[in-house]
């Protein structure tokens, strides 16, 4: 069995296990209690710019990749039209052909409205399937993708809102029989609701801009890969946070930002080791709307565990003469909720309509799929700036 098949089997076990992961610690404290969802690829940062800033982007300056971070930012984007293409190798140290691709497009309708769309494609490479006797049944290419359409509108000179609709397709087994159950591709429809606000400020003699963004993403129906399997929640996520941009002088600007993230998905409860009954926490088998509201108060460890479910992203971005950028960031996730902790660095170049961004990830706690991987994104902005637009960097 090759390494690729081992990885695929692990993914299959994660996705098709019908039993709930059971936490049997009666106190519900200091126990690893990770929230899992279907189609987790939707939470992967698709672009190198935000990827270089610790996965922060809800209140950063608008760009073509705003769909993932906060589509309301499109209402304040500078140019008339833009295209972005991004590529990220995944598990590069283990498997050479698992990749994430992203294609993004926006078009300004007028000075108040902007239309945007994006396609994110996640390929797991070629996988050799075998039956219970080890006989090969074929070579397949498991894959997932999402297709988004967004509409963003200014509600005032400094405030905008957006709604995005997303189609999700996940085909991980291509109809294979898993544990005696015939599988199928999972599909779902989801929506994002986003807000963005900014204000010009003065700090001493320094001009600046303070911004704040909110994005609730992937609000949609549960997904399933067979008629017998339990349906999985989508990674419905609340993202919010501020940014502060300072114009140091005519040529130099620097921006600081922080994103707060929380999955709006029920926390796994504590089960009795013998009876399997819930002894602490709440039943996670609820509807999507109830699960969203329940996610704020259902952690078996109480309020302290709810706080542990927030992920933090810290980012900084420096621009010289609006042409060259340096970026850095840090991502933090509590040890009991996944323990992802890593630094990021990157750079960007912009010349006329063309832009190129790079990012590199440095894990501090555990191996990460992007360790020792250089990601890059291309972008092209066309047309004149919107009337009255003030550049965000």
Foldseek 3Di string as FASTA:
>chain_A
DALLQVVLVVVVCVAFVQDDDAAADLQLPPAQFADDFPPPVLVDQFAQVCVQQQVDDQAAADDQSCPSRFVQNQLQDWFAKKKKKWKAFFLCVRDPPWIKIKIKMKGAPANFKIKIKMKIKTKSDWDFDADPVRHTPDIDIWIKMKIKIKMKGDPDPFKIKMKMKMKIWGGSPPQDQDPNFTWAIKIKIFMKIKMKGKDWDDDPPKTKMKMKMKMFTGQIFFIDTGPPHDTTGDQGKIKIWMKMKIDPDPFKIKMKIKIKMAGLAATHAHAHPPPRHGPFFDDRPDGSVVSSVSLQAGNRNGNVVSVLRIKMKIKMWMGGNNFKIKIKIWIAHHPSHPGWTWIKIWMKGDDQFKIKIKMAIGTDGDDGRRHPHIIMMIMGGDHGTHPPRDGND
